[in-house]
Amino acid sequence: MSNSLSLQDKQKLALQILRDRYKPKLPNTFDPNEICFKEQLAFVMDNSRWVTGSCSRRAGKSVGCTIDLMITAASTPNVNCLYIT
């Protein structure tokens, strides 16, 4: 009995090694406290169904909404998140 792998098994093993080697390296955690300023963090972390931000231009609305979207996507299983500008 031979211990060598079949050609098909070698191909599967090679493919798995390539997938493991080249999959994206993403951080294990995401901390909005490191990115947001105080008022922006309050906007992002508000658990209300509807949140309104009344602020000036360049106040970080897009960044805040993106961070909120990332938190929602990461913490909700089987969710589809859409960001439209």
PDB file of N, CA and C in Angstrom:
ATOM      1  N   MET A   1       0.837  -1.184   0.000  1.00  0.00           N
ATOM      2  CA  MET A   1       0.000   0.000   0.000  1.00  0.00           C
ATOM      3  C   MET A   1       0.883   1.250   0.000  1.00  0.00           C
ATOM      4  N   SER A   2       0.582   2.185  -0.895  1.00  0.00           N
ATOM      5  CA  SER A   2       1.401   3.374  -1.066  1.00  0.00           C
ATOM      6  C   SER A   2       0.848   4.530  -0.238  1.00  0.00           C
ATOM      7  N   ASN A   3       1.747   5.310   0.342  1.00  0.00           N
ATOM      8  CA  ASN A   3       1.349   6.489   1.126  1.00  0.00           C
ATOM      9  C   ASN A   3       1.330   7.755   0.286  1.00  0.00           C
ATOM     10  N   SER A   4       1.676   7.657  -0.997  1.00  0.00           N
ATOM     11  CA  SER A   4       1.720   8.849  -1.832  1.00  0.00           C
ATOM     12  C   SER A   4       0.305   9.309  -2.173  1.00  0.00           C
ATOM     13  N   LEU A   5       0.172  10.604  -2.390  1.00  0.00           N
ATOM     14  CA  LEU A   5      -1.123  11.206  -2.703  1.00  0.00           C
ATOM     15  C   LEU A   5      -1.413  11.076  -4.196  1.00  0.00           C
ATOM     16  N   SER A   6      -2.675  10.967  -4.510  1.00  0.00           N
ATOM     17  CA  SER A   6      -3.069  10.953  -5.916  1.00  0.00           C
ATOM     18  C   SER A   6      -2.892  12.357  -6.494  1.00  0.00           C
ATOM     19  N   LEU A   7      -2.896  12.459  -7.814  1.00  0.00           N
ATOM     20  CA  LEU A   7      -2.759  13.756  -8.467  1.00  0.00           C
ATOM     21  C   LEU A   7      -3.879  14.703  -8.040  1.00  0.00           C
ATOM     22  N   GLN A   8      -5.090  14.188  -7.930  1.00  0.00           N
ATOM     23  CA  GLN A   8      -6.233  15.019  -7.523  1.00  0.00           C
ATOM     24  C   GLN A   8      -6.051  15.521  -6.090  1.00  0.00           C
ATOM     25  N   ASP A   9      -5.573  14.661  -5.191  1.00  0.00           N
ATOM     26  CA  ASP A   9      -5.336  15.078  -3.802  1.00  0.00           C
ATOM     27  C   ASP A   9      -4.222  16.116  -3.711  1.00  0.00           C
ATOM     28  N   LYS A  10      -3.171  15.963  -4.537  1.00  0.00           N
ATOM     29  CA  LYS A  10      -2.079  16.940  -4.567  1.00  0.00           C
ATOM     30  C   LYS A  10      -2.582  18.300  -5.045  1.00  0.00           C
ATOM     31  N   GLN A  11      -3.458  18.289  -6.059  1.00  0.00           N
ATOM     32  CA  GLN A  11      -4.014  19.539  -6.575  1.00  0.00           C
ATOM     33  C   GLN A  11      -4.881  20.220  -5.520  1.00  0.00           C
ATOM     34  N   LYS A  12      -5.697  19.444  -4.805  1.00  0.00           N
ATOM     35  CA  LYS A  12      -6.537  20.008  -3.740  1.00  0.00           C
ATOM     36  C   LYS A  12      -5.679  20.605  -2.637  1.00  0.00           C
ATOM     37  N   LEU A  13      -4.618  19.893  -2.264  1.00  0.00           N
ATOM     38  CA  LEU A  13      -3.722  20.374  -1.216  1.00  0.00           C
ATOM     39  C   LEU A  13      -3.016  21.659  -1.655  1.00  0.00           C
ATOM     40  N   ALA A  14      -2.553  21.698  -2.898  1.00  0.00           N
ATOM     41  CA  ALA A  14      -1.881  22.895  -3.419  1.00  0.00           C
ATOM     42  C   ALA A  14      -2.835  24.085  -3.435  1.00  0.00           C
ATOM     43  N   LEU A  15      -4.071  23.852  -3.854  1.00  0.00           N
ATOM     44  CA  LEU A  15      -5.069  24.918  -3.890  1.00  0.00           C
ATOM     45  C   LEU A  15      -5.359  25.442  -2.486  1.00  0.00           C
ATOM     46  N   GLN A  16      -5.456  24.545  -1.507  1.00  0.00           N
ATOM     47  CA  GLN A  16      -5.709  24.967  -0.125  1.00  0.00           C
ATOM     48  C   GLN A  16      -4.541  25.786   0.420  1.00  0.00           C
ATOM     49  N   ILE A  17      -3.316  25.363   0.097  1.00  0.00           N
ATOM     50  CA  ILE A  17      -2.135  26.106   0.549  1.00  0.00           C
ATOM     51  C   ILE A  17      -2.135  27.507  -0.060  1.00  0.00           C
ATOM     52  N   LEU A  18      -2.463  27.626  -1.347  1.00  0.00           N
ATOM     53  CA  LEU A  18      -2.534  28.941  -1.991  1.00  0.00           C
ATOM     54  C   LEU A  18      -3.622  29.802  -1.371  1.00  0.00           C
ATOM     55  N   ARG A  19      -4.777  29.230  -1.091  1.00  0.00           N
ATOM     56  CA  ARG A  19      -5.859  30.005  -0.459  1.00  0.00           C
ATOM     57  C   ARG A  19      -5.437  30.531   0.898  1.00  0.00           C
ATOM     58  N   ASP A  20      -4.790  29.676   1.696  1.00  0.00           N
ATOM     59  CA  ASP A  20      -4.349  30.093   3.032  1.00  0.00           C
ATOM     60  C   ASP A  20      -3.273  31.166   2.947  1.00  0.00           C
ATOM     61  N   ARG A  21      -2.391  31.039   1.975  1.00  0.00           N
ATOM     62  CA  ARG A  21      -1.274  31.975   1.854  1.00  0.00           C
ATOM     63  C   ARG A  21      -1.714  33.345   1.361  1.00  0.00           C
ATOM     64  N   TYR A  22      -2.686  33.372   0.465  1.00  0.00           N
ATOM     65  CA  TYR A  22      -3.042  34.632  -0.184  1.00  0.00           C
ATOM     66  C   TYR A  22      -4.369  35.226   0.264  1.00  0.00           C
ATOM     67  N   LYS A  23      -4.999  34.668   1.268  1.00  0.00           N
ATOM     68  CA  LYS A  23      -6.226  35.300   1.731  1.00  0.00           C
ATOM     69  C   LYS A  23      -5.890  36.620   2.411  1.00  0.00           C
ATOM     70  N   PRO A  24      -6.790  37.592   2.325  1.00  0.00           N
ATOM     71  CA  PRO A  24      -6.478  38.915   2.874  1.00  0.00           C
ATOM     72  C   PRO A  24      -6.227  38.853   4.376  1.00  0.00           C
ATOM     73  N   LYS A  25      -5.270  39.622   4.806  1.00  0.00           N
ATOM     74  CA  LYS A  25      -4.946  39.725   6.228  1.00  0.00           C
ATOM     75  C   LYS A  25      -5.702  40.915   6.798  1.00  0.00           C
ATOM     76  N   LEU A  26      -6.784  40.648   7.487  1.00  0.00           N
ATOM     77  CA  LEU A  26      -7.599  41.702   8.076  1.00  0.00           C
ATOM     78  C   LEU A  26      -7.385  41.744   9.576  1.00  0.00           C
ATOM     79  N   PRO A  27      -7.496  42.908  10.168  1.00  0.00           N
ATOM     80  CA  PRO A  27      -7.357  42.971  11.624  1.00  0.00           C
ATOM     81  C   PRO A  27      -8.479  42.201  12.306  1.00  0.00           C
ATOM     82  N   ASN A  28      -8.171  41.629  13.452  1.00  0.00           N
ATOM     83  CA  ASN A  28      -9.168  40.852  14.189  1.00  0.00           C
ATOM     84  C   ASN A  28     -10.174  41.738  14.900  1.00  0.00           C
ATOM     85  N   THR A  29      -9.801  42.954  15.165  1.00  0.00           N
ATOM     86  CA  THR A  29     -10.707  43.856  15.871  1.00  0.00           C
ATOM     87  C   THR A  29     -10.776  45.194  15.145  1.00  0.00           C
ATOM     88  N   PHE A  30     -11.838  45.886  15.405  1.00  0.00           N
ATOM     89  CA  PHE A  30     -12.037  47.221  14.837  1.00  0.00           C
ATOM     90  C   PHE A  30     -12.519  48.100  15.966  1.00  0.00           C
ATOM     91  N   ASP A  31     -11.778  49.129  16.285  1.00  0.00           N
ATOM     92  CA  ASP A  31     -12.118  49.991  17.413  1.00  0.00           C
ATOM     93  C   ASP A  31     -12.447  51.396  16.926  1.00  0.00           C
ATOM     94  N   PRO A  32     -13.745  51.763  16.897  1.00  0.00           N
ATOM     95  CA  PRO A  32     -14.112  53.105  16.452  1.00  0.00           C
ATOM     96  C   PRO A  32     -13.564  54.205  17.355  1.00  0.00           C
ATOM     97  N   ASN A  33     -13.216  53.873  18.597  1.00  0.00           N
ATOM     98  CA  ASN A  33     -12.635  54.869  19.509  1.00  0.00           C
ATOM     99  C   ASN A  33     -11.311  55.415  18.978  1.00  0.00           C
ATOM    100  N   GLU A  34     -10.614  54.622  18.166  1.00  0.00           N
ATOM    101  CA  GLU A  34      -9.329  55.051  17.621  1.00  0.00           C
ATOM    102  C   GLU A  34      -9.493  55.988  16.424  1.00  0.00           C
ATOM    103  N   ILE A  35     -10.690  55.998  15.815  1.00  0.00           N
ATOM    104  CA  ILE A  35     -10.905  56.768  14.590  1.00  0.00           C
ATOM    105  C   ILE A  35     -11.791  57.984  14.817  1.00  0.00           C
ATOM    106  N   CYS A  36     -12.834  57.819  15.611  1.00  0.00           N
ATOM    107  CA  CYS A  36     -13.857  58.869  15.769  1.00  0.00           C
ATOM    108  C   CYS A  36     -13.487  59.885  16.835  1.00  0.00           C
ATOM    109  N   PHE A  37     -13.918  61.119  16.607  1.00  0.00           N
ATOM    110  CA  PHE A  37     -13.850  62.109  17.680  1.00  0.00           C
ATOM    111  C   PHE A  37     -15.122  61.981  18.530  1.00  0.00           C
ATOM    112  N   LYS A  38     -15.188  62.676  19.646  1.00  0.00           N
ATOM    113  CA  LYS A  38     -16.222  62.454  20.663  1.00  0.00           C
ATOM    114  C   LYS A  38     -17.647  62.513  20.112  1.00  0.00           C
ATOM    115  N   GLU A  39     -18.005  63.581  19.423  1.00  0.00           N
ATOM    116  CA  GLU A  39     -19.373  63.730  18.917  1.00  0.00           C
ATOM    117  C   GLU A  39     -19.677  62.706  17.814  1.00  0.00           C
ATOM    118  N   GLN A  40     -18.686  62.421  17.001  1.00  0.00           N
ATOM    119  CA  GLN A  40     -18.855  61.432  15.937  1.00  0.00           C
ATOM    120  C   GLN A  40     -19.064  60.037  16.542  1.00  0.00           C
ATOM    121  N   LEU A  41     -18.338  59.726  17.590  1.00  0.00           N
ATOM    122  CA  LEU A  41     -18.483  58.440  18.267  1.00  0.00           C
ATOM    123  C   LEU A  41     -19.876  58.304  18.875  1.00  0.00           C
ATOM    124  N   ALA A  42     -20.407  59.392  19.444  1.00  0.00           N
ATOM    125  CA  ALA A  42     -21.766  59.358  19.989  1.00  0.00           C
ATOM    126  C   ALA A  42     -22.780  59.070  18.890  1.00  0.00           C
ATOM    127  N   PHE A  43     -22.580  59.648  17.713  1.00  0.00           N
ATOM    128  CA  PHE A  43     -23.448  59.408  16.555  1.00  0.00           C
ATOM    129  C   PHE A  43     -23.368  57.948  16.122  1.00  0.00           C
ATOM    130  N   VAL A  44     -22.155  57.425  16.028  1.00  0.00           N
ATOM    131  CA  VAL A  44     -21.940  56.056  15.564  1.00  0.00           C
ATOM    132  C   VAL A  44     -22.486  55.031  16.550  1.00  0.00           C
ATOM    133  N   MET A  45     -22.298  55.257  17.831  1.00  0.00           N
ATOM    134  CA  MET A  45     -22.661  54.258  18.837  1.00  0.00           C
ATOM    135  C   MET A  45     -24.119  54.356  19.297  1.00  0.00           C
ATOM    136  N   ASP A  46     -24.875  55.316  18.790  1.00  0.00           N
ATOM    137  CA  ASP A  46     -26.291  55.445  19.146  1.00  0.00           C
ATOM    138  C   ASP A  46     -27.063  54.232  18.618  1.00  0.00           C
ATOM    139  N   ASN A  47     -27.796  53.555  19.487  1.00  0.00           N
ATOM    140  CA  ASN A  47     -28.520  52.336  19.113  1.00  0.00           C
ATOM    141  C   ASN A  47     -29.949  52.586  18.655  1.00  0.00           C
ATOM    142  N   SER A  48     -30.328  53.838  18.490  1.00  0.00           N
ATOM    143  CA  SER A  48     -31.684  54.147  18.034  1.00  0.00           C
ATOM    144  C   SER A  48     -31.889  53.648  16.611  1.00  0.00           C
ATOM    145  N   ARG A  49     -33.143  53.379  16.265  1.00  0.00           N
ATOM    146  CA  ARG A  49     -33.438  52.923  14.904  1.00  0.00           C
ATOM    147  C   ARG A  49     -33.086  53.998  13.873  1.00  0.00           C
ATOM    148  N   TRP A  50     -33.428  55.232  14.163  1.00  0.00           N
ATOM    149  CA  TRP A  50     -33.148  56.352  13.278  1.00  0.00           C
ATOM    150  C   TRP A  50     -32.250  57.343  14.001  1.00  0.00           C
ATOM    151  N   VAL A  51     -31.167  57.755  13.374  1.00  0.00           N
ATOM    152  CA  VAL A  51     -30.233  58.717  13.958  1.00  0.00           C
ATOM    153  C   VAL A  51     -30.031  59.836  12.949  1.00  0.00           C
ATOM    154  N   THR A  52     -30.101  61.067  13.418  1.00  0.00           N
ATOM    155  CA  THR A  52     -29.891  62.221  12.558  1.00  0.00           C
ATOM    156  C   THR A  52     -28.689  63.003  13.055  1.00  0.00           C
ATOM    157  N   GLY A  53     -27.824  63.362  12.132  1.00  0.00           N
ATOM    158  CA  GLY A  53     -26.675  64.186  12.472  1.00  0.00           C
ATOM    159  C   GLY A  53     -26.837  65.551  11.825  1.00  0.00           C
ATOM    160  N   SER A  54     -26.993  66.574  12.628  1.00  0.00           N
ATOM    161  CA  SER A  54     -27.118  67.933  12.111  1.00  0.00           C
ATOM    162  C   SER A  54     -25.792  68.636  12.364  1.00  0.00           C
ATOM    163  N   CYS A  55     -24.995  68.748  11.301  1.00  0.00           N
ATOM    164  CA  CYS A  55     -23.668  69.325  11.464  1.00  0.00           C
ATOM    165  C   CYS A  55     -23.209  69.975  10.162  1.00  0.00           C
ATOM    166  N   SER A  56     -22.097  70.640  10.248  1.00  0.00           N
ATOM    167  CA  SER A  56     -21.579  71.388   9.101  1.00  0.00           C
ATOM    168  C   SER A  56     -20.894  70.462   8.096  1.00  0.00           C
ATOM    169  N   ARG A  57     -20.467  71.062   6.999  1.00  0.00           N
ATOM    170  CA  ARG A  57     -19.678  70.324   6.018  1.00  0.00           C
ATOM    171  C   ARG A  57     -18.382  69.839   6.668  1.00  0.00           C
ATOM    172  N   ARG A  58     -17.877  68.732   6.172  1.00  0.00           N
ATOM    173  CA  ARG A  58     -16.598  68.176   6.617  1.00  0.00           C
ATOM    174  C   ARG A  58     -16.583  67.853   8.104  1.00  0.00           C
ATOM    175  N   ALA A  59     -17.744  67.486   8.646  1.00  0.00           N
ATOM    176  CA  ALA A  59     -17.825  67.152  10.061  1.00  0.00           C
ATOM    177  C   ALA A  59     -17.642  65.652  10.314  1.00  0.00           C
ATOM    178  N   GLY A  60     -17.425  64.875   9.256  1.00  0.00           N
ATOM    179  CA  GLY A  60     -17.176  63.447   9.434  1.00  0.00           C
ATOM    180  C   GLY A  60     -18.409  62.578   9.302  1.00  0.00           C
ATOM    181  N   LYS A  61     -19.421  63.076   8.611  1.00  0.00           N
ATOM    182  CA  LYS A  61     -20.667  62.300   8.469  1.00  0.00           C
ATOM    183  C   LYS A  61     -20.442  61.013   7.674  1.00  0.00           C
ATOM    184  N   SER A  62     -19.744  61.117   6.549  1.00  0.00           N
ATOM    185  CA  SER A  62     -19.504  59.936   5.711  1.00  0.00           C
ATOM    186  C   SER A  62     -18.648  58.911   6.435  1.00  0.00           C
ATOM    187  N   VAL A  63     -17.613  59.375   7.107  1.00  0.00           N
ATOM    188  CA  VAL A  63     -16.758  58.456   7.867  1.00  0.00           C
ATOM    189  C   VAL A  63     -17.556  57.804   8.992  1.00  0.00           C
ATOM    190  N   GLY A  64     -18.365  58.598   9.697  1.00  0.00           N
ATOM    191  CA  GLY A  64     -19.195  58.056  10.776  1.00  0.00           C
ATOM    192  C   GLY A  64     -20.175  57.013  10.273  1.00  0.00           C
ATOM    193  N   CYS A  65     -20.817  57.297   9.142  1.00  0.00           N
ATOM    194  CA  CYS A  65     -21.773  56.332   8.579  1.00  0.00           C
ATOM    195  C   CYS A  65     -21.068  55.065   8.120  1.00  0.00           C
ATOM    196  N   THR A  66     -19.867  55.214   7.564  1.00  0.00           N
ATOM    197  CA  THR A  66     -19.100  54.053   7.128  1.00  0.00           C
ATOM    198  C   THR A  66     -18.700  53.191   8.314  1.00  0.00           C
ATOM    199  N   ILE A  67     -18.277  53.810   9.385  1.00  0.00           N
ATOM    200  CA  ILE A  67     -17.909  53.063  10.593  1.00  0.00           C
ATOM    201  C   ILE A  67     -19.130  52.352  11.162  1.00  0.00           C
ATOM    202  N   ASP A  68     -20.272  53.030  11.188  1.00  0.00           N
ATOM    203  CA  ASP A  68     -21.513  52.407  11.658  1.00  0.00           C
ATOM    204  C   ASP A  68     -21.864  51.201  10.787  1.00  0.00           C
ATOM    205  N   LEU A  69     -21.710  51.342   9.485  1.00  0.00           N
ATOM    206  CA  LEU A  69     -21.982  50.241   8.561  1.00  0.00           C
ATOM    207  C   LEU A  69     -21.048  49.066   8.823  1.00  0.00           C
ATOM    208  N   MET A  70     -19.776  49.349   9.054  1.00  0.00           N
ATOM    209  CA  MET A  70     -18.812  48.282   9.323  1.00  0.00           C
ATOM    210  C   MET A  70     -19.140  47.546  10.626  1.00  0.00           C
ATOM    211  N   ILE A  71     -19.538  48.288  11.647  1.00  0.00           N
ATOM    212  CA  ILE A  71     -19.900  47.668  12.915  1.00  0.00           C
ATOM    213  C   ILE A  71     -21.131  46.784  12.734  1.00  0.00           C
ATOM    214  N   THR A  72     -22.127  47.293  12.015  1.00  0.00           N
ATOM    215  CA  THR A  72     -23.345  46.521  11.758  1.00  0.00           C
ATOM    216  C   THR A  72     -23.032  45.258  10.973  1.00  0.00           C
ATOM    217  N   ALA A  73     -22.230  45.378   9.922  1.00  0.00           N
ATOM    218  CA  ALA A  73     -21.895  44.224   9.094  1.00  0.00           C
ATOM    219  C   ALA A  73     -21.108  43.179   9.873  1.00  0.00           C
ATOM    220  N   ALA A  74     -20.210  43.617  10.731  1.00  0.00           N
ATOM    221  CA  ALA A  74     -19.378  42.680  11.485  1.00  0.00           C
ATOM    222  C   ALA A  74     -20.123  42.009  12.629  1.00  0.00           C
ATOM    223  N   SER A  75     -21.146  42.664  13.154  1.00  0.00           N
ATOM    224  CA  SER A  75     -21.816  42.133  14.347  1.00  0.00           C
ATOM    225  C   SER A  75     -23.159  41.470  14.062  1.00  0.00           C
ATOM    226  N   THR A  76     -23.620  41.496  12.816  1.00  0.00           N
ATOM    227  CA  THR A  76     -24.922  40.925  12.483  1.00  0.00           C
ATOM    228  C   THR A  76     -24.735  39.793  11.485  1.00  0.00           C
ATOM    229  N   PRO A  77     -25.066  38.552  11.882  1.00  0.00           N
ATOM    230  CA  PRO A  77     -24.885  37.438  10.958  1.00  0.00           C
ATOM    231  C   PRO A  77     -25.860  37.515   9.776  1.00  0.00           C
ATOM    232  N   ASN A  78     -25.395  37.096   8.617  1.00  0.00           N
ATOM    233  CA  ASN A  78     -26.213  37.011   7.399  1.00  0.00           C
ATOM    234  C   ASN A  78     -26.909  38.316   7.049  1.00  0.00           C
ATOM    235  N   VAL A  79     -26.189  39.427   7.165  1.00  0.00           N
ATOM    236  CA  VAL A  79     -26.786  40.733   6.861  1.00  0.00           C
ATOM    237  C   VAL A  79     -26.199  41.263   5.560  1.00  0.00           C
ATOM    238  N   ASN A  80     -27.014  41.951   4.804  1.00  0.00           N
ATOM    239  CA  ASN A  80     -26.561  42.668   3.616  1.00  0.00           C
ATOM    240  C   ASN A  80     -26.604  44.147   3.937  1.00  0.00           C
ATOM    241  N   CYS A  81     -25.480  44.822   3.806  1.00  0.00           N
ATOM    242  CA  CYS A  81     -25.386  46.248   4.097  1.00  0.00           C
ATOM    243  C   CYS A  81     -25.120  47.003   2.804  1.00  0.00           C
ATOM    244  N   LEU A  82     -25.809  48.095   2.633  1.00  0.00           N
ATOM    245  CA  LEU A  82     -25.687  48.893   1.420  1.00  0.00           C
ATOM    246  C   LEU A  82     -25.348  50.325   1.811  1.00  0.00           C
ATOM    247  N   TYR A  83     -24.356  50.891   1.143  1.00  0.00           N
ATOM    248  CA  TYR A  83     -23.953  52.278   1.389  1.00  0.00           C
ATOM    249  C   TYR A  83     -24.121  53.041   0.077  1.00  0.00           C
ATOM    250  N   ILE A  84     -24.997  54.000   0.073  1.00  0.00           N
ATOM    251  CA  ILE A  84     -25.270  54.773  -1.131  1.00  0.00           C
ATOM    252  C   ILE A  84     -24.934  56.238  -0.854  1.00  0.00           C
ATOM    253  N   THR A  85     -24.201  56.850  -1.773  1.00  0.00           N
ATOM    254  CA  THR A  85     -23.880  58.273  -1.612  1.00  0.00           C
ATOM    255  C   THR A  85     -24.506  59.066  -2.714  1.00  0.00           C
TER     256      THR A  85
END
